[in-house]
Amino acid sequence: MNNIIAVLTQNIVPIFIVAGFGYALQRWAGLNKQTLSRAVFYCLSPCLVFSSLVGTQLTGNELLGLAGFTVFNVLTMGVLGWVAAKVMRLGRTETVALLVMVMFVNGGNYGLTLNHLRYGDPGLARAVVFYTTSTVILYTFGIFLASTGQLTWRQALARLWRMPPIYAAVLAILVYSFQITLPTSLLRGIEVAGTGAIPVMLLVLGMQMADLQGRATLRLALPTITLRLLIAPLIAMGMALLLGLEGLGRSTSIIEASMPPAVFTIILATEFDLQPSAVTSIVVVATLLSPLTLAAMITFLGL
């Protein structure tokens, strides 16, 4: 019990304190969170992805291993979500909403911060691999999946070309692979912008929670929260063992894979009419419950 309390107070509570600042700021000043969110999405987050990957000390094999873990984890959770939807006899819209929430986690403002607080820069460098890989999947397959009920496949694919994190990841991989030397001033500027991503992400998380409204249906909330908070950590542990992940890479990957649903799923639900009120409330409830499941998981594993 003491270990669980220590994890909560030292690693998780600070995250919610900063998010609380964003919550209070939104309630008090009513800022335009969309503008701040776009600044993170189009500038700060790609800079964090680029600087973390370019400056990583990870070997190519470790990078591939961590990325492979992410891909298999997202796909496995998708299969489990599809099975759960069939068992619950969910309709098409509910099934797509369930899949989006189960497959894609809050690995950015929540997951990266938690890993950074617990493991420092080495942990952050490895967590960024999960975040980047899952972001690429989210902004490709995730958007395509969410839009299947509203757009043609051509329209869905057209949206993918407007996603900056994808370009940042591709450029970073090219620079890393070919050992391209960037001007020091350019690289430092990108690093400074990337450093600002995490605190601003947390503020945006709190601001989004301040404005979230909605009511979840039990038939959608129950399988989503069960899979995302209880089953996902077990799947992640088994997959890490199967793929032979060790050390910090194993720890950060399991933590990232155990996060609650991504706040971005609310944007997808709203954009493509996937029961946005229900999705909103489920994301909020899962996020508020996640400190307990994460602290218990970290303590149990001794991560």
Protein backbone atom coordinates (compact mmCIF):
# COMPACT_ATOMS: atom_id res chain seq x y z
CA MET A 1 0.00 0.00 0.00
CA ASN A 2 2.84 2.39 0.80
CA ASN A 3 4.36 1.75 -2.63
CA ILE A 4 1.04 2.49 -4.35
CA ILE A 5 0.71 5.75 -2.42
CA ALA A 6 4.28 6.68 -3.34
CA VAL A 7 3.62 6.11 -7.04
CA LEU A 8 0.42 8.14 -6.84
CA THR A 9 1.95 11.09 -4.99
CA GLN A 10 5.30 11.23 -6.77
CA ASN A 11 4.44 10.29 -10.34
CA ILE A 12 0.72 10.69 -11.01
CA VAL A 13 -0.56 13.47 -8.74
CA PRO A 14 1.85 16.05 -10.28
CA ILE A 15 0.30 15.33 -13.68
CA PHE A 16 -3.19 16.04 -12.41
CA ILE A 17 -2.00 19.16 -10.60
CA VAL A 18 -0.82 20.69 -13.88
CA ALA A 19 -3.99 19.48 -15.61
CA GLY A 20 -5.88 21.08 -12.71
CA PHE A 21 -4.23 24.40 -13.57
CA GLY A 22 -5.64 24.04 -17.08
CA TYR A 23 -9.06 23.10 -15.69
CA ALA A 24 -9.13 26.14 -13.39
CA LEU A 25 -7.83 28.41 -16.14
CA GLN A 26 -10.57 27.29 -18.49
CA ARG A 27 -13.27 27.74 -15.86
CA TRP A 28 -11.95 31.17 -14.88
CA ALA A 29 -10.94 32.70 -18.20
CA GLY A 30 -12.73 30.57 -20.78
CA LEU A 31 -9.79 30.52 -23.17
CA ASN A 32 -9.94 29.22 -26.71
CA LYS A 33 -8.49 25.79 -26.07
CA GLN A 34 -8.75 24.86 -29.73
CA THR A 35 -6.05 27.40 -30.60
CA LEU A 36 -3.74 26.08 -27.89
CA SER A 37 -4.49 22.50 -28.87
CA ARG A 38 -3.63 23.23 -32.49
CA ALA A 39 -0.34 24.85 -31.40
CA VAL A 40 0.54 21.58 -29.67
CA PHE A 41 -0.66 19.45 -32.56
CA TYR A 42 0.92 21.36 -35.42
CA CYS A 43 4.11 22.64 -33.76
CA LEU A 44 5.13 21.54 -30.25
CA SER A 45 4.25 17.86 -30.53
CA PRO A 46 6.03 17.33 -33.90
CA CYS A 47 9.08 19.12 -32.45
CA LEU A 48 9.05 16.78 -29.44
CA VAL A 49 8.78 13.74 -31.72
CA PHE A 50 11.55 14.97 -34.00
CA SER A 51 14.03 16.06 -31.29
CA SER A 52 13.46 12.92 -29.20
CA LEU A 53 13.99 10.53 -32.11
CA VAL A 54 16.93 12.41 -33.63
CA GLY A 55 18.68 12.74 -30.28
CA THR A 56 17.94 9.21 -29.11
CA GLN A 57 20.76 6.95 -28.00
CA LEU A 58 18.69 3.86 -28.70
CA THR A 59 19.98 1.25 -31.09
CA GLY A 60 18.13 0.50 -34.28
CA ASN A 61 17.10 -2.91 -32.94
CA GLU A 62 15.61 -1.39 -29.78
CA LEU A 63 13.73 1.21 -31.80
CA LEU A 64 12.27 -1.50 -34.04
CA GLY A 65 11.39 -3.63 -31.01
CA LEU A 66 9.54 -0.81 -29.26
CA ALA A 67 7.74 0.20 -32.47
CA GLY A 68 6.80 -3.42 -33.13
CA PHE A 69 5.39 -3.73 -29.63
CA THR A 70 3.21 -0.67 -30.25
CA VAL A 71 1.84 -1.98 -33.54
CA PHE A 72 1.03 -5.42 -32.14
CA ASN A 73 -0.51 -3.91 -29.02
CA VAL A 74 -2.81 -1.55 -30.93
CA LEU A 75 -3.93 -4.32 -33.28
CA THR A 76 -4.50 -6.80 -30.44
CA MET A 77 -6.63 -4.30 -28.53
CA GLY A 78 -8.58 -3.71 -31.73
CA VAL A 79 -9.33 -7.42 -32.07
CA LEU A 80 -10.41 -7.64 -28.42
CA GLY A 81 -12.59 -4.57 -28.88
CA TRP A 82 -14.24 -6.10 -31.94
CA VAL A 83 -14.94 -9.34 -30.04
CA ALA A 84 -16.38 -7.36 -27.12
CA ALA A 85 -18.61 -5.40 -29.50
CA LYS A 86 -19.95 -8.63 -30.99
CA VAL A 87 -20.59 -10.12 -27.54
CA MET A 88 -22.37 -6.94 -26.42
CA ARG A 89 -24.25 -6.81 -29.76
CA LEU A 90 -23.29 -3.20 -30.34
CA GLY A 91 -24.41 -1.37 -33.45
CA ARG A 92 -22.03 -0.16 -36.14
CA THR A 93 -21.56 3.32 -34.69
CA GLU A 94 -21.07 2.01 -31.15
CA THR A 95 -18.60 -0.59 -32.42
CA VAL A 96 -16.46 2.02 -34.17
CA ALA A 97 -16.57 4.26 -31.07
CA LEU A 98 -15.49 1.33 -28.88
CA LEU A 99 -12.64 0.40 -31.22
CA VAL A 100 -11.31 3.96 -31.36
CA MET A 101 -11.30 4.32 -27.56
CA VAL A 102 -9.82 0.88 -26.89
CA MET A 103 -7.07 1.04 -29.51
CA PHE A 104 -5.73 4.57 -28.97
CA VAL A 105 -4.44 5.77 -25.61
CA ASN A 106 -3.48 9.07 -24.03
CA GLY A 107 0.21 8.36 -24.56
CA GLY A 108 1.13 12.03 -25.05
CA ASN A 109 0.20 14.50 -22.33
CA TYR A 110 -0.43 11.73 -19.78
CA GLY A 111 1.83 8.84 -20.78
CA LEU A 112 4.95 10.83 -21.73
CA THR A 113 4.70 12.92 -18.56
CA LEU A 114 4.33 9.88 -16.31
CA ASN A 115 7.29 8.12 -17.91
CA HIS A 116 9.40 11.30 -17.75
CA LEU A 117 8.61 11.85 -14.08
CA ARG A 118 9.40 8.24 -13.21
CA TYR A 119 12.37 7.48 -15.46
CA GLY A 120 13.76 10.84 -16.57
CA ASP A 121 15.06 11.54 -20.07
CA PRO A 122 16.02 7.88 -20.83
CA GLY A 123 12.44 6.85 -20.08
CA LEU A 124 11.03 9.69 -22.13
CA ALA A 125 13.16 8.73 -25.14
CA ARG A 126 11.68 5.24 -25.12
CA ALA A 127 8.13 6.36 -24.40
CA VAL A 128 8.31 8.70 -27.39
CA VAL A 129 8.71 5.65 -29.66
CA PHE A 130 5.35 4.29 -28.48
CA TYR A 131 3.77 7.74 -28.72
CA THR A 132 5.10 8.38 -32.22
CA THR A 133 4.19 4.95 -33.57
CA SER A 134 0.69 5.05 -32.08
CA THR A 135 0.24 8.61 -33.37
CA VAL A 136 1.06 7.49 -36.91
CA ILE A 137 -1.46 4.65 -36.56
CA LEU A 138 -4.07 7.00 -35.06
CA TYR A 139 -3.72 9.59 -37.81
CA THR A 140 -3.83 6.96 -40.54
CA PHE A 141 -5.85 3.89 -39.67
CA GLY A 142 -7.61 5.60 -36.73
CA ILE A 143 -9.00 8.43 -38.84
CA PHE A 144 -9.86 6.01 -41.63
CA LEU A 145 -11.69 3.75 -39.14
CA ALA A 146 -13.60 6.65 -37.57
CA SER A 147 -14.61 8.03 -40.94
CA THR A 148 -15.83 4.81 -42.52
CA GLY A 149 -19.43 5.64 -41.69
CA GLN A 150 -19.29 9.20 -43.05
CA LEU A 151 -16.63 9.49 -45.78
CA THR A 152 -15.42 7.53 -48.75
CA TRP A 153 -12.04 5.85 -48.43
CA ARG A 154 -10.54 8.42 -50.80
CA GLN A 155 -11.72 11.32 -48.61
CA ALA A 156 -10.42 9.55 -45.51
CA LEU A 157 -7.00 9.02 -47.06
CA ALA A 158 -6.87 12.67 -48.19
CA ARG A 159 -7.01 13.80 -44.56
CA LEU A 160 -3.86 11.89 -43.71
CA TRP A 161 -1.67 14.33 -45.66
CA ARG A 162 -2.46 17.11 -43.17
CA MET A 163 -0.94 15.41 -40.11
CA PRO A 164 2.39 17.08 -39.02
CA PRO A 165 3.48 14.38 -36.51
CA ILE A 166 3.73 11.92 -39.39
CA TYR A 167 6.10 14.20 -41.31
CA ALA A 168 8.13 14.83 -38.14
CA ALA A 169 8.51 11.11 -37.54
CA VAL A 170 9.53 10.40 -41.16
CA LEU A 171 12.08 13.24 -41.20
CA ALA A 172 13.49 12.12 -37.84
CA ILE A 173 13.90 8.55 -39.08
CA LEU A 174 15.71 9.80 -42.20
CA VAL A 175 18.04 12.02 -40.15
CA TYR A 176 18.68 9.19 -37.68
CA SER A 177 19.20 6.51 -40.33
CA PHE A 178 21.57 8.51 -42.55
CA GLN A 179 23.34 10.27 -39.64
CA ILE A 180 22.56 13.69 -41.09
CA THR A 181 24.14 16.55 -39.15
CA LEU A 182 21.73 19.42 -38.55
CA PRO A 183 22.78 23.02 -37.76
CA THR A 184 23.14 23.36 -34.00
CA SER A 185 20.91 26.42 -33.81
CA LEU A 186 18.12 24.65 -35.72
CA LEU A 187 18.29 21.54 -33.57
CA ARG A 188 18.32 23.54 -30.33
CA GLY A 189 15.35 25.58 -31.46
CA ILE A 190 13.40 22.40 -32.19
CA GLU A 191 14.43 20.98 -28.80
CA VAL A 192 13.21 24.09 -26.98
CA ALA A 193 9.85 23.89 -28.73
CA GLY A 194 9.61 20.18 -27.98
CA THR A 195 10.37 20.78 -24.29
CA GLY A 196 7.29 22.98 -24.10
CA ALA A 197 5.03 20.26 -25.50
CA ILE A 198 4.46 18.25 -22.32
CA PRO A 199 3.38 21.07 -19.93
CA VAL A 200 1.17 22.62 -22.59
CA MET A 201 -0.34 19.20 -23.33
CA LEU A 202 -1.27 18.87 -19.66
CA LEU A 203 -2.85 22.31 -19.60
CA VAL A 204 -4.88 21.40 -22.68
CA LEU A 205 -5.94 18.12 -21.04
CA GLY A 206 -7.30 20.04 -18.04
CA MET A 207 -8.99 22.62 -20.26
CA GLN A 208 -10.66 19.88 -22.29
CA MET A 209 -11.90 18.14 -19.15
CA ALA A 210 -13.36 21.44 -17.92
CA ASP A 211 -15.59 21.66 -20.98
CA LEU A 212 -16.48 18.00 -21.38
CA GLN A 213 -20.13 17.13 -21.04
CA GLY A 214 -22.06 14.01 -21.84
CA ARG A 215 -23.58 10.82 -20.57
CA ALA A 216 -22.29 7.35 -21.29
CA THR A 217 -24.38 4.27 -21.89
CA LEU A 218 -23.40 1.31 -19.74
CA ARG A 219 -23.30 -1.04 -22.72
CA LEU A 220 -20.54 1.10 -24.25
CA ALA A 221 -18.78 2.28 -21.08
CA LEU A 222 -18.42 -1.13 -19.43
CA PRO A 223 -16.46 -2.93 -22.17
CA THR A 224 -14.39 0.18 -22.97
CA ILE A 225 -13.21 0.87 -19.41
CA THR A 226 -12.72 -2.83 -18.64
CA LEU A 227 -10.59 -3.40 -21.74
CA ARG A 228 -8.67 -0.14 -21.52
CA LEU A 229 -7.83 -0.05 -17.78
CA LEU A 230 -7.91 -3.69 -16.66
CA ILE A 231 -7.23 -5.95 -19.65
CA ALA A 232 -4.77 -3.72 -21.54
CA PRO A 233 -2.04 -3.84 -18.84
CA LEU A 234 -2.21 -7.64 -18.79
CA ILE A 235 -2.01 -7.78 -22.59
CA ALA A 236 0.95 -5.38 -22.53
CA MET A 237 2.84 -7.46 -19.95
CA GLY A 238 2.31 -10.66 -21.91
CA MET A 239 3.30 -9.03 -25.19
CA ALA A 240 6.45 -7.50 -23.69
CA LEU A 241 7.45 -10.94 -22.46
CA LEU A 242 6.67 -12.53 -25.82
CA LEU A 243 8.70 -9.92 -27.74
CA GLY A 244 11.59 -10.05 -25.28
CA LEU A 245 11.46 -6.40 -24.18
CA GLU A 246 13.68 -5.63 -21.21
CA GLY A 247 14.67 -2.77 -18.92
CA LEU A 248 13.33 0.72 -19.49
CA GLY A 249 11.89 -0.19 -22.87
CA ARG A 250 9.69 -2.83 -21.25
CA SER A 251 8.62 -0.54 -18.41
CA THR A 252 7.77 2.50 -20.52
CA SER A 253 5.95 0.44 -23.15
CA ILE A 254 3.74 -1.27 -20.58
CA ILE A 255 2.92 2.06 -18.95
CA GLU A 256 2.07 3.68 -22.29
CA ALA A 257 -0.10 0.73 -23.29
CA SER A 258 -2.01 0.95 -19.97
CA MET A 259 -3.13 4.57 -20.40
CA PRO A 260 -6.81 5.61 -20.60
CA PRO A 261 -8.37 6.46 -23.97
CA ALA A 262 -6.84 9.37 -25.86
CA VAL A 263 -8.61 12.70 -25.50
CA PHE A 264 -8.28 12.97 -29.28
CA THR A 265 -10.90 10.23 -29.58
CA ILE A 266 -13.45 12.86 -28.51
CA ILE A 267 -12.46 14.95 -31.51
CA LEU A 268 -12.88 11.94 -33.77
CA ALA A 269 -16.25 11.11 -32.23
CA THR A 270 -17.45 14.67 -32.69
CA GLU A 271 -16.13 14.96 -36.24
CA PHE A 272 -17.64 11.68 -37.42
CA ASP A 273 -20.73 11.55 -35.18
CA LEU A 274 -19.67 8.49 -33.17
CA GLN A 275 -21.90 9.15 -30.18
CA PRO A 276 -19.74 12.08 -28.99
CA SER A 277 -21.60 12.59 -25.68
CA ALA A 278 -21.05 8.99 -24.64
CA VAL A 279 -17.41 8.99 -25.79
CA THR A 280 -16.75 12.23 -23.91
CA SER A 281 -18.04 10.93 -20.60
CA ILE A 282 -16.24 7.59 -20.97
CA VAL A 283 -12.90 9.34 -21.61
CA VAL A 284 -13.38 11.52 -18.52
CA VAL A 285 -14.35 8.61 -16.25
CA ALA A 286 -11.50 6.42 -17.53
CA THR A 287 -8.99 9.24 -17.05
CA LEU A 288 -10.15 9.86 -13.46
CA LEU A 289 -10.01 6.13 -12.64
CA SER A 290 -6.64 5.53 -14.32
CA PRO A 291 -4.40 6.74 -11.44
CA LEU A 292 -5.60 3.81 -9.33
CA THR A 293 -5.04 1.17 -12.00
CA LEU A 294 -1.71 2.65 -13.11
CA ALA A 295 -0.36 2.94 -9.57
CA ALA A 296 -1.39 -0.64 -8.79
CA MET A 297 0.17 -1.93 -12.03
CA ILE A 298 3.46 -0.06 -11.53
CA THR A 299 3.69 -1.23 -7.91
CA PHE A 300 2.89 -4.84 -8.79
CA LEU A 301 5.54 -4.96 -11.49
CA GLY A 302 8.11 -2.96 -9.55
CA LEU A 303 8.68 -0.85 -12.65
